[in-house]
């Protein structure tokens, strides 16, 4: 099984990108599970026609960890993609990182990957902070490769550098390694050059570039992937090419 974690600053287009990559993988014949590791629990919403998936933490609160089943935790979305949302605590009353830990441990204990015979698992992880549960996919064997999404905006690059540094700090322990940088363009000055410099600083490369496109914005408003909203869009080709590059980096 190929295990991927995708990190990026909040608002950088990470979940949109991940959902379209998931569809690309599914169209190539892979059985895919997308796992949202963000307290907002909206990673997979474009795969379920805008329907909010009940989070793992919510199910655990309602039924208890021992009583819940995989069918309570996993929803099948478009293209047969298995969708999971880790969820988070009640605002102000808990730690989101610890919530991610509880959710991922539950999936592991319930043997979700084995049961659904998953080929590719993708963790969509908020990258504003890389500590506690947010670092779990990097350090606890859930992911083998980490990909970082950024634009050329300074705050996005700063967050991407922090994520890449965390992966670098863990590499000697046999944890996940950095697979590359994904450039999600915002058309800012020197965008490609700045992201290329970031990649060089961490001895990695840009594995894919995504143009800023109104097709993506329109699909978001419809709570769909670009593949579902506009199959003729050139962005479908860009996401498919990115999926191929990710697979190549994971060999």
Protein backbone atom coordinates (compact mmCIF):
# COMPACT_ATOMS: atom_id res chain seq x y z
CA UNK A 1 0.00 0.00 0.00
CA UNK A 2 1.21 3.49 -0.89
CA UNK A 3 0.84 5.82 2.10
CA UNK A 4 1.00 9.55 1.46
CA UNK A 5 0.62 12.59 3.72
CA UNK A 6 -0.10 15.96 2.15
CA UNK A 7 0.60 19.01 4.30
CA UNK A 8 0.09 22.73 3.72
CA UNK A 9 -0.92 25.97 5.32
CA UNK A 10 -4.64 26.44 5.94
CA UNK A 11 -6.33 28.00 2.92
CA UNK A 12 -3.61 27.03 0.45
CA UNK A 13 -5.94 24.70 -1.49
CA UNK A 14 -4.69 21.52 0.09
CA UNK A 15 -8.01 19.68 0.45
CA UNK A 16 -9.08 20.73 -3.05
CA UNK A 17 -5.83 19.40 -4.46
CA UNK A 18 -5.95 16.19 -2.45
CA UNK A 19 -9.52 15.42 -3.51
CA UNK A 20 -8.67 15.88 -7.17
CA UNK A 21 -5.55 13.74 -6.77
CA UNK A 22 -7.68 11.04 -5.12
CA UNK A 23 -10.01 11.05 -8.12
CA UNK A 24 -7.00 10.87 -10.44
CA UNK A 25 -5.73 7.79 -8.60
CA UNK A 26 -9.18 6.19 -8.65
CA UNK A 27 -9.49 6.76 -12.39
CA UNK A 28 -6.15 4.98 -12.81
CA UNK A 29 -7.66 1.91 -11.15
CA UNK A 30 -6.44 2.29 -7.56
CA UNK A 31 -8.57 1.75 -4.46
CA UNK A 32 -8.17 5.02 -2.56
CA UNK A 33 -8.88 6.17 0.98
CA UNK A 34 -8.71 9.89 1.79
CA UNK A 35 -8.38 10.77 5.46
CA UNK A 36 -9.00 14.34 6.56
CA UNK A 37 -6.86 15.35 9.53
CA UNK A 38 -8.22 18.83 10.12
CA UNK A 39 -10.66 19.81 12.90
CA UNK A 40 -12.86 21.51 10.26
CA UNK A 41 -13.63 18.02 8.90
CA UNK A 42 -14.14 19.22 5.33
CA UNK A 43 -11.36 17.43 3.48
CA UNK A 44 -13.67 15.00 1.68
CA UNK A 45 -16.71 17.24 1.19
CA UNK A 46 -16.07 17.58 -2.56
CA UNK A 47 -16.10 13.78 -2.84
CA UNK A 48 -19.51 13.47 -1.18
CA UNK A 49 -21.49 16.15 -3.08
CA UNK A 50 -21.28 18.55 -0.18
CA UNK A 51 -22.58 16.14 2.45
CA UNK A 52 -20.71 16.42 5.73
CA UNK A 53 -19.16 13.11 6.76
CA UNK A 54 -19.61 12.18 10.41
CA UNK A 55 -16.19 12.32 12.03
CA UNK A 56 -14.40 9.46 13.74
CA UNK A 57 -14.33 11.42 16.99
CA UNK A 58 -18.07 12.11 16.84
CA UNK A 59 -18.80 8.42 16.30
CA UNK A 60 -16.52 7.46 19.19
CA UNK A 61 -18.29 9.95 21.45
CA UNK A 62 -21.70 8.56 20.47
CA UNK A 63 -21.03 4.82 20.41
CA UNK A 64 -17.74 4.28 22.18
CA UNK A 65 -14.56 3.06 20.53
CA UNK A 66 -15.30 -0.62 21.08
CA UNK A 67 -18.85 -0.48 19.69
CA UNK A 68 -18.30 1.52 16.51
CA UNK A 69 -17.74 -0.29 13.21
CA UNK A 70 -15.92 0.67 10.03
CA UNK A 71 -19.23 1.38 8.33
CA UNK A 72 -19.79 4.05 11.00
CA UNK A 73 -16.44 5.66 10.25
CA UNK A 74 -15.99 5.34 6.49
CA UNK A 75 -18.17 6.78 3.72
CA UNK A 76 -17.87 5.81 0.07
CA UNK A 77 -17.66 8.87 -2.16
CA UNK A 78 -17.35 9.64 -5.86
CA UNK A 79 -15.29 7.21 -7.96
CA UNK A 80 -15.55 4.72 -5.09
CA UNK A 81 -13.12 6.67 -2.91
CA UNK A 82 -13.31 5.78 0.80
CA UNK A 83 -13.72 8.98 2.82
CA UNK A 84 -12.79 9.48 6.47
CA UNK A 85 -12.80 12.63 8.62
CA UNK A 86 -10.84 12.49 11.87
CA UNK A 87 -12.64 15.47 13.36
CA UNK A 88 -11.69 17.48 16.41
CA UNK A 89 -12.74 18.43 19.92
CA UNK A 90 -15.46 20.85 20.90
CA UNK A 91 -13.88 24.30 20.33
CA UNK A 92 -12.04 25.43 23.43
CA UNK A 93 -12.40 22.09 25.19
CA UNK A 94 -9.67 19.87 23.83
CA UNK A 95 -6.59 19.36 21.68
CA UNK A 96 -7.09 18.84 17.95
CA UNK A 97 -3.79 16.98 17.71
CA UNK A 98 -4.90 14.42 20.29
CA UNK A 99 -8.12 14.00 18.33
CA UNK A 100 -6.17 13.05 15.22
CA UNK A 101 -4.17 10.52 17.23
CA UNK A 102 -7.37 8.89 18.55
CA UNK A 103 -8.92 8.80 15.07
CA UNK A 104 -5.92 7.27 13.30
CA UNK A 105 -5.39 4.71 16.05
CA UNK A 106 -9.05 3.69 15.75
CA UNK A 107 -8.76 3.17 11.98
CA UNK A 108 -5.65 1.08 12.57
CA UNK A 109 -7.27 -1.04 15.27
CA UNK A 110 -10.34 -1.62 13.10
CA UNK A 111 -8.03 -2.70 10.20
CA UNK A 112 -9.61 -0.24 7.79
CA UNK A 113 -6.90 -0.52 5.12
CA UNK A 114 -6.91 -4.31 5.12
CA UNK A 115 -10.71 -4.57 5.13
CA UNK A 116 -11.19 -2.26 2.14
CA UNK A 117 -8.02 -3.51 0.39
CA UNK A 118 -6.72 0.02 -0.03
CA UNK A 119 -3.97 0.63 -2.61
CA UNK A 120 -3.34 4.29 -1.78
CA UNK A 121 -4.05 6.07 1.51
CA UNK A 122 -3.84 9.87 1.48
CA UNK A 123 -3.75 11.89 4.71
CA UNK A 124 -4.82 15.50 4.26
CA UNK A 125 -3.12 17.27 7.17
CA UNK A 126 -3.27 20.88 8.32
CA UNK A 127 0.28 22.23 8.28
CA UNK A 128 0.06 25.46 10.26
CA UNK A 129 1.50 23.59 13.25
CA UNK A 130 3.58 20.43 13.02
CA UNK A 131 3.36 18.97 16.50
CA UNK A 132 1.48 16.30 18.41
CA UNK A 133 -1.21 14.63 16.37
CA UNK A 134 -0.56 16.80 13.35
CA UNK A 135 2.88 15.19 13.07
CA UNK A 136 1.51 11.68 13.59
CA UNK A 137 1.38 10.72 9.88
CA UNK A 138 5.07 11.65 9.63
CA UNK A 139 6.38 9.81 12.65
CA UNK A 140 4.11 6.88 13.47
CA UNK A 141 4.30 4.87 10.27
CA UNK A 142 0.99 6.01 8.81
CA UNK A 143 2.70 7.66 5.82
CA UNK A 144 5.83 6.80 3.86
CA UNK A 145 6.09 10.00 1.84
CA UNK A 146 5.17 13.59 2.68
CA UNK A 147 4.26 16.14 0.02
CA UNK A 148 3.99 19.83 0.85
CA UNK A 149 1.63 22.20 -0.97
CA UNK A 150 2.56 25.86 -1.19
CA UNK A 151 2.11 28.95 -3.31
CA UNK A 152 4.71 31.68 -3.69
CA UNK A 153 3.11 33.70 -0.90
CA UNK A 154 5.48 34.33 1.99
CA UNK A 155 3.32 32.84 4.75
CA UNK A 156 2.63 29.72 2.70
CA UNK A 157 6.36 29.27 2.04
CA UNK A 158 7.12 29.81 5.73
CA UNK A 159 4.64 27.08 6.70
CA UNK A 160 5.99 24.77 3.99
CA UNK A 161 9.53 25.26 5.28
CA UNK A 162 8.42 24.34 8.82
CA UNK A 163 6.79 21.15 7.55
CA UNK A 164 9.84 20.20 5.48
CA UNK A 165 12.07 20.85 8.50
CA UNK A 166 9.91 18.58 10.67
CA UNK A 167 10.22 15.78 8.12
CA UNK A 168 13.98 16.37 7.95
CA UNK A 169 14.28 16.16 11.74
CA UNK A 170 12.47 12.79 11.76
CA UNK A 171 14.28 11.12 8.84
CA UNK A 172 17.03 9.48 10.90
CA UNK A 173 14.39 7.56 12.85
CA UNK A 174 13.07 5.74 9.79
CA UNK A 175 9.94 7.86 9.57
CA UNK A 176 8.29 9.34 6.47
CA UNK A 177 10.54 11.14 4.01
CA UNK A 178 9.90 14.22 1.91
CA UNK A 179 8.52 13.32 -1.51
CA UNK A 180 8.50 16.83 -2.97
CA UNK A 181 6.80 20.21 -3.20
CA UNK A 182 3.51 20.91 -4.98
CA UNK A 183 3.22 24.45 -6.35
CA UNK A 184 -0.37 25.68 -6.23
CA UNK A 185 -0.05 28.99 -8.05
CA UNK A 186 -1.47 32.28 -6.81
CA UNK A 187 0.28 34.32 -9.52
CA UNK A 188 2.44 36.34 -7.13
CA UNK A 189 5.78 37.86 -8.22
CA UNK A 190 8.71 35.42 -8.56
CA UNK A 191 6.43 32.57 -7.51
CA UNK A 192 8.20 29.71 -9.28
CA UNK A 193 11.64 31.02 -8.30
CA UNK A 194 10.76 31.28 -4.61
CA UNK A 195 9.27 27.80 -4.44
CA UNK A 196 12.22 26.39 -6.39
CA UNK A 197 14.55 27.92 -3.80
CA UNK A 198 12.50 26.28 -1.04
CA UNK A 199 12.79 22.90 -2.76
CA UNK A 200 16.54 23.30 -3.17
CA UNK A 201 16.95 24.25 0.50
CA UNK A 202 15.53 20.84 1.44
CA UNK A 203 17.21 18.83 -1.33
CA UNK A 204 13.91 18.02 -2.98
CA UNK A 205 12.04 19.09 -6.12
CA UNK A 206 8.77 20.52 -7.33
CA UNK A 207 6.77 17.43 -8.29
CA UNK A 208 3.86 19.32 -9.83
CA UNK A 209 2.54 22.75 -10.71
CA UNK A 210 -1.13 23.70 -10.62
CA UNK A 211 -2.32 26.82 -12.41
CA UNK A 212 -4.71 29.26 -10.76
CA UNK A 213 -8.01 28.43 -12.46
CA UNK A 214 -11.59 29.61 -12.30
CA UNK A 215 -12.62 26.02 -13.06
CA UNK A 216 -11.33 25.02 -9.63
CA UNK A 217 -13.18 27.88 -7.94
CA UNK A 218 -16.41 26.94 -9.70
CA UNK A 219 -16.05 23.28 -8.71
CA UNK A 220 -15.50 24.33 -5.10
CA UNK A 221 -18.73 26.31 -5.09
CA UNK A 222 -20.54 23.21 -6.38
CA UNK A 223 -18.85 20.99 -3.75
CA UNK A 224 -17.38 18.88 -6.51
CA UNK A 225 -13.98 17.97 -7.88
CA UNK A 226 -12.99 19.49 -11.21
CA UNK A 227 -13.39 16.04 -12.76
CA UNK A 228 -17.08 16.05 -11.79
CA UNK A 229 -17.73 19.74 -12.44
CA UNK A 230 -15.91 20.18 -15.74
CA UNK A 231 -14.33 17.00 -17.15
CA UNK A 232 -13.01 18.99 -20.16
CA UNK A 233 -11.03 21.40 -17.99
CA UNK A 234 -7.28 21.47 -18.51
CA UNK A 235 -6.99 21.24 -14.74
CA UNK A 236 -8.04 17.58 -14.96
CA UNK A 237 -4.87 16.98 -16.94
CA UNK A 238 -2.77 18.89 -14.41
CA UNK A 239 -4.15 16.88 -11.49
CA UNK A 240 -3.66 13.62 -13.38
CA UNK A 241 -0.06 14.55 -14.20
CA UNK A 242 0.52 15.45 -10.53
CA UNK A 243 -0.85 12.06 -9.46
CA UNK A 244 1.62 10.37 -11.84
CA UNK A 245 4.50 12.41 -10.42
CA UNK A 246 3.52 11.46 -6.87
CA UNK A 247 3.42 7.79 -7.80
CA UNK A 248 6.86 8.12 -9.37
CA UNK A 249 8.22 9.78 -6.21
CA UNK A 250 6.81 6.94 -4.11
CA UNK A 251 8.58 4.18 -6.04
